[in-house]
């Protein structure tokens, strides 16, 4: 079933080629939409295969593992590819109205599709070196998207973004070299067995910390997160949305994969560090958001705080905690991408993203107000929206192991998140615009209204479906958790049944 693994990679690359050829016309956006639809269909087939058959693995070029390039999808990988496709489709439809002709001529749609290919590849790769390759594909394309337009604040944010990611690359490659020197392999399934034979377990723990730093920078955890709020508010809103939804989650995915499959030899040390990181990430992110007055900066700091919840699930490393981390990943990608899309429409209607300088949307555009309310208060954990169930599972997992303090931190951060979302609601939507502007949707062309509101409405609907009918999604997260905590099926699918 190797084709199930390669098609989700081939589609965005082909879309990027055709979009680049068509960059001087308006067809680039529609190519992105068509490519995203095709990716969603392909990812759905892959998801169905992992549910029906278990872990799916393929060896590229006929080279057997661990010597060749392996692509592999378990339930977590397949879920992440599906949610990537959903995000890509929502953002590509939104971009039809958000991205102007100048950015299209500069290659926005080609860069966007290369980014989606990089994210998909990171979720499907079965070896560490190719994970590095996909990270670099993401870095190059995301930097191009970040500075597209060339404004001073974009260049400033792009430099910070690239600098910290280059530091991450140094730690990543250094860890790869040391790990290969100790084990003689970089295949993840093979590594899960090879690390048990390493004599110097202390050095192995040091390498684990190096990977923790490398992936922690990608995930924007404390104290390595400051590049994110310095850059995510600067590009086009479509770019901010796809960044907010996907990029940090690749770092979280890599941490979950490595610290369940490979680095499970010194859990008391490594996962205690992760627990402290989770707590400080939640607190510093939410406090940073409380101090901001720009719509996108508030949302950017909340990316940081919400990443802390996902790391909390990994740090606790109980079955329920991993279920919570997986569920939170899916919930947060949908909600956070949607909030950035809403901020873009709000800016179009009111003329700014500074919350104290705008307002009046609830009275003039109540539909947009409702579409903000759903993801915003899902992020805050209001029942019965998806964020409530995600937080409930993680807090219960913490209480089950007598983690009273970290559970208290998680609840406090939820309350402070409510404060931030309420501030946006009060300033942007409830109060009148200080300049007397009536921010009606009628100010937008009919085609722009459809392109901007359709993906927002679809993502809000998905948030409500997860919230009102959580059981199927929790069941998938439970199955993914079982595969993560018992990697036997993963190893067998990649390496085969031992003789």
Protein backbone atom coordinates (compact mmCIF):
# COMPACT_ATOMS: atom_id res chain seq x y z
CA UNK A 1 0.00 0.00 0.00
CA UNK A 2 2.94 2.33 -0.61
CA UNK A 3 0.86 4.43 -2.99
CA UNK A 4 -1.34 5.46 -0.06
CA UNK A 5 1.76 7.02 1.52
CA UNK A 6 3.28 8.62 -1.56
CA UNK A 7 0.18 10.24 -3.08
CA UNK A 8 -0.36 12.68 -0.16
CA UNK A 9 3.22 13.84 -0.75
CA UNK A 10 3.02 13.99 -4.54
CA UNK A 11 -0.20 16.03 -4.67
CA UNK A 12 1.06 19.23 -2.98
CA UNK A 13 4.35 19.11 -4.89
CA UNK A 14 2.49 18.81 -8.19
CA UNK A 15 0.16 21.59 -7.10
CA UNK A 16 3.19 23.75 -6.32
CA UNK A 17 4.63 23.19 -9.81
CA UNK A 18 1.39 24.05 -11.59
CA UNK A 19 0.73 27.01 -9.29
CA UNK A 20 4.20 28.39 -10.03
CA UNK A 21 3.61 28.07 -13.77
CA UNK A 22 0.28 29.90 -13.37
CA UNK A 23 1.60 32.52 -10.94
CA UNK A 24 0.95 35.41 -13.36
CA UNK A 25 -2.72 34.50 -13.67
CA UNK A 26 -5.55 34.07 -11.18
CA UNK A 27 -5.51 30.30 -11.70
CA UNK A 28 -2.90 29.73 -8.97
CA UNK A 29 -5.47 30.02 -6.22
CA UNK A 30 -7.83 27.55 -7.83
CA UNK A 31 -4.94 25.13 -8.35
CA UNK A 32 -4.27 25.32 -4.60
CA UNK A 33 -7.94 24.65 -3.87
CA UNK A 34 -8.05 21.68 -6.25
CA UNK A 35 -4.80 20.31 -4.84
CA UNK A 36 -6.13 20.64 -1.28
CA UNK A 37 -9.33 18.78 -2.21
CA UNK A 38 -7.26 16.00 -3.78
CA UNK A 39 -5.01 15.88 -0.70
CA UNK A 40 -8.06 15.59 1.55
CA UNK A 41 -9.39 12.66 -0.50
CA UNK A 42 -5.99 10.92 -0.49
CA UNK A 43 -5.54 11.47 3.24
CA UNK A 44 -9.03 10.07 3.89
CA UNK A 45 -8.07 6.87 2.05
CA UNK A 46 -4.87 6.68 4.13
CA UNK A 47 -6.83 7.20 7.33
CA UNK A 48 -9.29 4.47 6.35
CA UNK A 49 -6.41 2.09 5.65
CA UNK A 50 -4.83 2.68 9.07
CA UNK A 51 -8.18 2.11 10.78
CA UNK A 52 -8.83 -1.06 8.79
CA UNK A 53 -5.35 -2.59 8.58
CA UNK A 54 -3.35 -0.96 11.36
CA UNK A 55 0.02 0.67 10.76
CA UNK A 56 0.81 1.15 7.04
CA UNK A 57 4.47 1.22 5.94
CA UNK A 58 6.24 1.45 2.60
CA UNK A 59 9.88 1.17 1.54
CA UNK A 60 10.85 3.60 -1.19
CA UNK A 61 12.86 2.25 -4.09
CA UNK A 62 12.52 -1.31 -2.87
CA UNK A 63 15.24 -0.86 -0.26
CA UNK A 64 14.32 -2.77 2.90
CA UNK A 65 14.22 -1.05 6.27
CA UNK A 66 16.31 0.13 8.00
CA UNK A 67 18.57 0.82 5.00
CA UNK A 68 16.21 2.69 2.69
CA UNK A 69 13.74 5.53 2.98
CA UNK A 70 10.67 4.46 4.93
CA UNK A 71 7.26 6.10 4.90
CA UNK A 72 4.92 4.97 7.65
CA UNK A 73 1.50 5.95 8.96
CA UNK A 74 -0.05 4.89 12.21
CA UNK A 75 -3.28 6.43 13.48
CA UNK A 76 -1.55 9.56 14.80
CA UNK A 77 0.25 10.18 11.51
CA UNK A 78 -2.88 9.58 9.47
CA UNK A 79 -4.95 11.88 11.69
CA UNK A 80 -2.36 14.62 11.33
CA UNK A 81 -2.30 14.26 7.53
CA UNK A 82 -6.10 14.50 7.41
CA UNK A 83 -6.16 17.61 9.60
CA UNK A 84 -3.36 19.11 7.49
CA UNK A 85 -5.49 18.62 4.38
CA UNK A 86 -8.52 20.19 6.08
CA UNK A 87 -6.46 23.20 7.12
CA UNK A 88 -4.91 23.50 3.67
CA UNK A 89 -8.34 23.46 2.02
CA UNK A 90 -9.76 26.08 4.39
CA UNK A 91 -6.79 28.39 3.96
CA UNK A 92 -6.58 27.95 0.17
CA UNK A 93 -10.26 28.93 -0.21
CA UNK A 94 -9.71 31.91 2.12
CA UNK A 95 -6.62 32.94 0.14
CA UNK A 96 -8.73 33.43 -3.00
CA UNK A 97 -9.85 36.71 -1.44
CA UNK A 98 -6.97 37.40 0.95
CA UNK A 99 -3.94 37.11 -1.36
CA UNK A 100 -3.57 39.92 -3.89
CA UNK A 101 -2.17 39.64 -7.39
CA UNK A 102 1.24 40.99 -6.37
CA UNK A 103 1.76 38.16 -3.87
CA UNK A 104 0.46 35.64 -6.38
CA UNK A 105 3.05 36.79 -8.93
CA UNK A 106 5.75 36.41 -6.27
CA UNK A 107 4.80 32.74 -5.93
CA UNK A 108 2.53 32.60 -2.89
CA UNK A 109 0.57 29.55 -4.04
CA UNK A 110 3.68 27.58 -4.97
CA UNK A 111 5.26 28.30 -1.58
CA UNK A 112 2.01 27.42 0.19
CA UNK A 113 1.83 24.00 -1.46
CA UNK A 114 5.50 23.27 -0.78
CA UNK A 115 4.83 24.09 2.87
CA UNK A 116 1.91 21.64 2.95
CA UNK A 117 4.14 19.00 1.36
CA UNK A 118 6.78 19.59 4.03
CA UNK A 119 4.25 19.27 6.85
CA UNK A 120 2.77 16.09 5.34
CA UNK A 121 6.22 14.59 4.84
CA UNK A 122 7.16 15.25 8.46
CA UNK A 123 4.09 13.32 9.61
CA UNK A 124 4.75 10.36 7.30
CA UNK A 125 8.51 9.91 7.43
CA UNK A 126 9.88 6.86 9.19
CA UNK A 127 13.46 7.97 9.78
CA UNK A 128 15.19 10.85 11.53
CA UNK A 129 17.27 12.16 8.64
CA UNK A 130 14.26 12.54 6.40
CA UNK A 131 12.43 14.25 9.25
CA UNK A 132 15.25 16.80 9.12
CA UNK A 133 14.79 17.09 5.34
CA UNK A 134 11.07 17.78 5.71
CA UNK A 135 11.78 20.32 8.43
CA UNK A 136 14.05 22.16 6.02
CA UNK A 137 11.39 22.07 3.29
CA UNK A 138 9.02 23.65 5.81
CA UNK A 139 11.59 26.23 6.90
CA UNK A 140 12.44 27.41 3.39
CA UNK A 141 8.84 27.68 2.23
CA UNK A 142 7.59 29.25 5.47
CA UNK A 143 10.33 31.88 5.40
CA UNK A 144 9.35 32.74 1.83
CA UNK A 145 5.72 33.11 2.87
CA UNK A 146 6.67 35.11 5.96
CA UNK A 147 8.59 37.81 4.08
CA UNK A 148 6.35 37.88 0.99
CA UNK A 149 5.61 41.55 0.48
CA UNK A 150 8.86 42.82 1.97
CA UNK A 151 7.53 45.11 4.72
CA UNK A 152 10.03 46.01 7.45
CA UNK A 153 8.16 44.19 10.23
CA UNK A 154 7.99 41.08 8.05
CA UNK A 155 11.75 41.12 7.49
CA UNK A 156 12.35 41.66 11.21
CA UNK A 157 10.03 38.79 12.15
CA UNK A 158 11.51 36.59 9.42
CA UNK A 159 15.06 37.09 10.70
CA UNK A 160 14.05 36.09 14.23
CA UNK A 161 12.12 33.14 12.86
CA UNK A 162 14.98 31.83 10.75
CA UNK A 163 17.67 32.48 13.37
CA UNK A 164 15.94 30.41 16.04
CA UNK A 165 15.10 27.68 13.56
CA UNK A 166 18.74 27.50 12.49
CA UNK A 167 19.66 26.99 16.14
CA UNK A 168 17.09 24.20 16.18
CA UNK A 169 18.71 22.70 13.10
CA UNK A 170 22.13 22.69 14.77
CA UNK A 171 20.78 20.81 17.79
CA UNK A 172 18.81 18.46 15.54
CA UNK A 173 21.74 17.51 13.29
CA UNK A 174 24.12 17.21 16.24
CA UNK A 175 21.68 14.85 17.92
CA UNK A 176 21.24 12.87 14.71
CA UNK A 177 25.00 12.44 14.37
CA UNK A 178 25.47 11.31 17.96
CA UNK A 179 22.50 8.97 17.84
CA UNK A 180 23.73 7.39 14.61
CA UNK A 181 27.19 6.98 16.11
CA UNK A 182 25.72 5.14 19.12
CA UNK A 183 23.20 2.95 17.29
CA UNK A 184 24.22 2.74 13.62
CA UNK A 185 20.69 3.52 12.42
CA UNK A 186 18.30 6.44 11.97
CA UNK A 187 15.17 4.44 11.14
CA UNK A 188 12.70 5.21 13.93
CA UNK A 189 11.42 1.65 14.28
CA UNK A 190 14.96 0.31 14.33
CA UNK A 191 16.02 3.01 16.80
CA UNK A 192 13.30 1.98 19.22
CA UNK A 193 15.12 -1.34 19.60
CA UNK A 194 18.71 -0.16 19.10
CA UNK A 195 18.66 2.36 21.97
CA UNK A 196 18.12 -0.49 24.43
CA UNK A 197 21.58 -1.86 23.57
CA UNK A 198 23.45 1.44 24.03
CA UNK A 199 26.00 1.04 26.83
CA UNK A 200 26.28 4.71 27.78
CA UNK A 201 22.70 5.47 28.79
CA UNK A 202 23.78 8.79 30.30
CA UNK A 203 24.99 10.00 26.90
CA UNK A 204 21.75 8.77 25.37
CA UNK A 205 19.83 10.94 27.83
CA UNK A 206 21.99 13.92 26.83
CA UNK A 207 21.10 13.29 23.19
CA UNK A 208 17.44 13.09 24.18
CA UNK A 209 17.72 16.56 25.72
CA UNK A 210 19.29 17.84 22.49
CA UNK A 211 16.29 16.60 20.55
CA UNK A 212 14.03 18.10 23.20
CA UNK A 213 15.62 21.50 22.54
CA UNK A 214 15.52 21.09 18.75
CA UNK A 215 11.87 20.11 18.63
CA UNK A 216 11.03 22.45 21.50
CA UNK A 217 12.11 25.41 19.36
CA UNK A 218 9.90 24.16 16.53
CA UNK A 219 7.00 23.74 18.95
CA UNK A 220 7.60 27.16 20.57
CA UNK A 221 7.84 25.93 24.16
CA UNK A 222 9.22 27.87 27.12
CA UNK A 223 11.80 29.47 27.02
CA UNK A 224 12.29 29.07 23.26
CA UNK A 225 9.07 30.62 21.98
CA UNK A 226 9.78 34.33 21.49
CA UNK A 227 10.29 33.98 17.73
CA UNK A 228 6.60 33.09 17.31
CA UNK A 229 4.82 36.21 18.64
CA UNK A 230 7.50 38.29 16.92
CA UNK A 231 6.64 36.90 13.49
CA UNK A 232 3.16 35.38 13.22
CA UNK A 233 1.36 38.74 13.19
CA UNK A 234 3.33 40.12 10.24
CA UNK A 235 2.40 38.18 7.04
CA UNK A 236 -0.90 37.88 5.16
CA UNK A 237 -3.74 36.50 7.28
CA UNK A 238 -3.91 33.30 5.23
CA UNK A 239 -0.22 32.72 6.00
CA UNK A 240 -0.73 33.44 9.71
CA UNK A 241 -3.59 30.92 9.78
CA UNK A 242 -1.67 28.04 8.22
CA UNK A 243 1.36 28.81 10.41
CA UNK A 244 -0.78 28.95 13.55
CA UNK A 245 -2.58 25.75 12.71
CA UNK A 246 0.25 23.53 11.55
CA UNK A 247 3.86 24.60 12.06
CA UNK A 248 4.23 24.34 15.83
CA UNK A 249 2.21 21.11 15.79
CA UNK A 250 4.92 19.46 13.71
CA UNK A 251 7.31 20.16 16.57
CA UNK A 252 4.81 18.74 19.07
CA UNK A 253 4.30 15.68 16.87
CA UNK A 254 8.07 15.11 16.70
CA UNK A 255 8.34 15.35 20.49
CA UNK A 256 5.49 12.88 20.97
CA UNK A 257 6.95 10.47 18.41
CA UNK A 258 10.50 10.55 19.75
CA UNK A 259 9.66 10.48 23.45
CA UNK A 260 7.27 7.56 23.16
CA UNK A 261 9.04 5.48 20.50
CA UNK A 262 12.77 6.13 21.03
CA UNK A 263 13.59 8.03 24.24
CA UNK A 264 11.72 5.99 26.81
CA UNK A 265 14.76 4.78 28.76
CA UNK A 266 14.98 7.58 31.36
CA UNK A 267 11.39 8.73 31.76
CA UNK A 268 11.84 10.05 35.30
CA UNK A 269 14.39 12.58 34.06
CA UNK A 270 13.25 13.51 30.54
CA UNK A 271 9.52 13.66 31.24
CA UNK A 272 10.02 15.61 34.45
CA UNK A 273 11.76 18.24 32.35
CA UNK A 274 8.85 18.13 29.92
CA UNK A 275 6.42 18.60 32.81
CA UNK A 276 8.19 21.78 33.95
CA UNK A 277 8.33 22.98 30.36
CA UNK A 278 4.59 22.37 29.98
CA UNK A 279 3.73 24.39 33.07
CA UNK A 280 5.92 27.37 32.20
CA UNK A 281 4.81 27.29 28.56
CA UNK A 282 1.16 27.49 29.57
CA UNK A 283 1.76 30.31 32.04
CA UNK A 284 4.12 32.51 30.03
CA UNK A 285 2.03 32.17 26.89
CA UNK A 286 -1.25 33.16 28.53
CA UNK A 287 0.34 36.03 30.49
CA UNK A 288 1.93 37.32 27.29
CA UNK A 289 -1.48 37.23 25.61
CA UNK A 290 -3.06 39.16 28.48
CA UNK A 291 -0.53 41.96 27.99
CA UNK A 292 -1.19 42.39 24.24
CA UNK A 293 -3.69 44.62 22.44
CA UNK A 294 -3.20 43.45 18.85
CA UNK A 295 -5.66 40.77 17.69
CA UNK A 296 -3.03 38.56 16.06
CA UNK A 297 -0.46 39.05 18.83
CA UNK A 298 -2.99 37.90 21.41
CA UNK A 299 -3.71 34.83 19.31
CA UNK A 300 0.02 34.21 18.76
CA UNK A 301 0.77 34.12 22.48
CA UNK A 302 -2.16 31.78 22.95
CA UNK A 303 -0.54 29.37 20.51
CA UNK A 304 2.31 29.17 23.01
CA UNK A 305 0.05 28.64 26.02
CA UNK A 306 -1.97 25.92 24.27
CA UNK A 307 1.19 24.08 23.21
CA UNK A 308 1.83 23.68 26.92
CA UNK A 309 -1.30 21.54 27.27
CA UNK A 310 -0.08 19.16 24.56
CA UNK A 311 3.35 18.87 26.19
CA UNK A 312 1.58 18.20 29.50
CA UNK A 313 -0.04 15.12 28.01
CA UNK A 314 3.33 13.83 26.79
CA UNK A 315 5.02 14.61 30.10
CA UNK A 316 2.49 12.66 32.17
CA UNK A 317 2.85 9.69 29.78
CA UNK A 318 -0.22 7.83 30.99
CA UNK A 319 -2.70 6.36 28.49
CA UNK A 320 -5.31 9.01 29.35
CA UNK A 321 -2.73 11.81 29.12
CA UNK A 322 -1.60 10.73 25.65
CA UNK A 323 -5.26 10.56 24.61
CA UNK A 324 -5.59 14.15 25.80
CA UNK A 325 -2.49 15.28 23.93
CA UNK A 326 -3.67 13.71 20.65
CA UNK A 327 -7.21 15.08 21.05
CA UNK A 328 -5.80 18.52 21.90
CA UNK A 329 -3.62 18.49 18.78
CA UNK A 330 -6.60 17.94 16.49
CA UNK A 331 -8.84 20.41 18.32
CA UNK A 332 -6.23 23.16 18.45
CA UNK A 333 -5.25 23.04 14.78
CA UNK A 334 -8.85 23.65 13.74
CA UNK A 335 -9.61 26.31 16.33
CA UNK A 336 -6.41 28.32 16.05
CA UNK A 337 -6.35 28.43 12.25
CA UNK A 338 -9.96 29.57 12.33
CA UNK A 339 -9.31 32.39 14.80
CA UNK A 340 -6.59 33.81 12.58
CA UNK A 341 -8.95 33.64 9.60
CA UNK A 342 -11.55 35.56 11.63
CA UNK A 343 -8.96 38.20 12.55
CA UNK A 344 -8.34 38.78 8.85
CA UNK A 345 -12.01 39.48 8.13
CA UNK A 346 -12.21 41.71 11.20
CA UNK A 347 -9.29 43.75 9.89
CA UNK A 348 -10.95 44.13 6.48
CA UNK A 349 -14.16 45.38 8.07
CA UNK A 350 -12.68 47.69 10.70
CA UNK A 351 -9.35 48.80 9.25
CA UNK A 352 -7.03 47.54 12.00
CA UNK A 353 -6.10 44.62 14.26
CA UNK A 354 -5.50 46.87 17.30
CA UNK A 355 -8.42 45.88 19.50
CA UNK A 356 -8.82 49.29 21.16
CA UNK A 357 -9.08 51.06 17.81
CA UNK A 358 -11.82 48.91 16.30
CA UNK A 359 -15.24 47.56 17.23
CA UNK A 360 -18.88 47.30 16.27
CA UNK A 361 -18.81 43.94 14.49
CA UNK A 362 -21.54 42.27 16.58
CA UNK A 363 -24.11 44.93 15.64
CA UNK A 364 -23.13 45.26 11.97
CA UNK A 365 -21.97 41.71 11.17
CA UNK A 366 -23.50 39.31 13.74
CA UNK A 367 -22.66 36.25 11.62
CA UNK A 368 -18.93 36.96 11.92
CA UNK A 369 -19.36 37.54 15.66
CA UNK A 370 -20.92 34.10 16.06
CA UNK A 371 -18.18 32.53 13.94
CA UNK A 372 -15.60 34.10 16.27
CA UNK A 373 -17.45 33.09 19.42
CA UNK A 374 -17.36 29.37 18.61
CA UNK A 375 -13.58 28.86 18.20
CA UNK A 376 -12.68 31.54 20.77
CA UNK A 377 -14.61 29.99 23.60
CA UNK A 378 -13.68 26.50 22.47
CA UNK A 379 -10.07 27.63 22.93
CA UNK A 380 -10.99 28.81 26.43
CA UNK A 381 -12.59 25.46 27.26
CA UNK A 382 -16.28 26.32 27.41
CA UNK A 383 -18.54 23.23 27.44
CA UNK A 384 -19.62 21.53 25.30
CA UNK A 385 -17.16 22.80 22.66
CA UNK A 386 -14.11 20.74 21.67
CA UNK A 387 -11.69 22.63 23.92
CA UNK A 388 -13.66 21.65 27.01
CA UNK A 389 -13.18 17.94 26.36
CA UNK A 390 -9.49 18.40 25.51
CA UNK A 391 -8.81 20.27 28.76
CA UNK A 392 -11.02 17.93 30.80
CA UNK A 393 -9.08 14.84 29.67
CA UNK A 394 -5.71 16.42 30.45
CA UNK A 395 -6.73 17.80 33.84
CA UNK A 396 -8.22 14.43 34.81
CA UNK A 397 -5.02 12.70 33.68
CA UNK A 398 -3.01 15.05 35.91
CA UNK A 399 -5.31 14.49 38.90
CA UNK A 400 -5.16 10.71 38.41
CA UNK A 401 -1.41 10.81 39.15
CA UNK A 402 -1.78 13.36 41.98
CA UNK A 403 -0.42 16.16 39.84
CA UNK A 404 -2.35 18.77 41.79
CA UNK A 405 -0.09 21.70 40.98
CA UNK A 406 0.08 21.15 37.23
CA UNK A 407 -3.68 20.52 37.15
CA UNK A 408 -4.15 23.82 38.96
CA UNK A 409 -1.89 25.57 36.45
CA UNK A 410 -3.92 24.12 33.58
CA UNK A 411 -7.17 25.36 35.13
CA UNK A 412 -5.70 28.81 35.86
CA UNK A 413 -4.47 29.14 32.28
CA UNK A 414 -7.97 28.24 31.10
CA UNK A 415 -9.41 31.08 33.19
CA UNK A 416 -6.85 33.55 31.84
CA UNK A 417 -7.65 32.38 28.31
CA UNK A 418 -11.26 33.30 28.98
CA UNK A 419 -10.03 36.77 29.96
CA UNK A 420 -8.20 37.23 26.64
CA UNK A 421 -11.07 35.96 24.54
CA UNK A 422 -13.51 38.13 26.48
CA UNK A 423 -11.29 41.16 25.88
CA UNK A 424 -11.33 40.53 22.13
CA UNK A 425 -15.10 39.98 22.22
CA UNK A 426 -15.73 43.17 24.19
CA UNK A 427 -13.41 45.41 22.19
CA UNK A 428 -13.69 44.07 18.64
CA UNK A 429 -17.25 42.79 18.53
CA UNK A 430 -19.37 44.33 21.31
CA UNK A 431 -18.41 47.99 21.71
CA UNK A 432 -19.01 50.55 18.99
CA UNK A 433 -16.22 51.45 16.59
CA UNK A 434 -14.38 54.50 18.01
CA UNK A 435 -14.44 56.20 14.60
CA UNK A 436 -18.11 55.51 13.98
CA UNK A 437 -17.45 53.00 11.18
CA UNK A 438 -20.11 50.37 10.58
CA UNK A 439 -18.12 47.20 9.74
CA UNK A 440 -20.76 45.45 7.62
CA UNK A 441 -20.02 42.47 5.42
CA UNK A 442 -21.67 44.43 2.61
CA UNK A 443 -18.42 46.35 2.28
CA UNK A 444 -16.93 43.20 0.74
CA UNK A 445 -17.66 41.89 -2.74
CA UNK A 446 -19.97 38.89 -2.88
CA UNK A 447 -17.19 36.58 -4.08
CA UNK A 448 -14.91 37.80 -1.28
CA UNK A 449 -17.61 37.17 1.31
CA UNK A 450 -17.96 33.57 0.15
CA UNK A 451 -14.20 32.94 0.04
CA UNK A 452 -13.62 34.45 3.47
CA UNK A 453 -16.64 33.17 5.39
CA UNK A 454 -17.07 29.70 3.92
CA UNK A 455 -13.87 28.22 5.43
CA UNK A 456 -14.49 30.02 8.74
CA UNK A 457 -17.99 28.58 8.90
CA UNK A 458 -16.80 25.10 7.95
CA UNK A 459 -14.08 25.06 10.63
CA UNK A 460 -16.49 26.41 13.24
CA UNK A 461 -18.95 23.65 12.32
CA UNK A 462 -16.21 21.04 12.69
CA UNK A 463 -15.36 22.47 16.11
CA UNK A 464 -18.98 22.09 17.15
CA UNK A 465 -19.19 18.54 15.77
CA UNK A 466 -16.14 17.51 17.82
CA UNK A 467 -17.61 19.22 20.87
CA UNK A 468 -21.16 17.87 20.65
CA UNK A 469 -20.14 14.39 19.45
CA UNK A 470 -16.72 13.80 21.03
CA UNK A 471 -16.91 10.02 21.43
CA UNK A 472 -15.68 9.00 17.92
CA UNK A 473 -12.79 11.43 18.15
CA UNK A 474 -11.87 10.31 21.66
CA UNK A 475 -12.01 6.69 20.47
CA UNK A 476 -9.56 7.50 17.67
CA UNK A 477 -7.31 9.29 20.14
CA UNK A 478 -7.45 6.26 22.44
CA UNK A 479 -6.46 3.94 19.60
CA UNK A 480 -3.62 6.29 18.63
CA UNK A 481 -2.49 6.41 22.27
CA UNK A 482 -2.37 2.62 22.45
CA UNK A 483 -0.16 2.49 19.35
CA UNK A 484 2.16 5.14 20.78
CA UNK A 485 2.56 3.48 24.16
CA UNK A 486 2.94 0.01 22.65
CA UNK A 487 4.93 0.48 19.41
CA UNK A 488 4.99 -3.24 18.55
CA UNK A 489 2.66 -2.81 15.58
CA UNK A 490 4.68 0.18 14.33
CA UNK A 491 7.99 -1.72 14.54
CA UNK A 492 6.52 -4.84 12.94
CA UNK A 493 4.99 -2.91 10.05
CA UNK A 494 8.34 -1.25 9.26
CA UNK A 495 10.85 -4.02 9.97
CA UNK A 496 8.67 -7.07 9.45
CA UNK A 497 8.07 -10.00 11.77
CA UNK A 498 11.40 -11.17 13.31
CA UNK A 499 12.40 -14.69 12.37
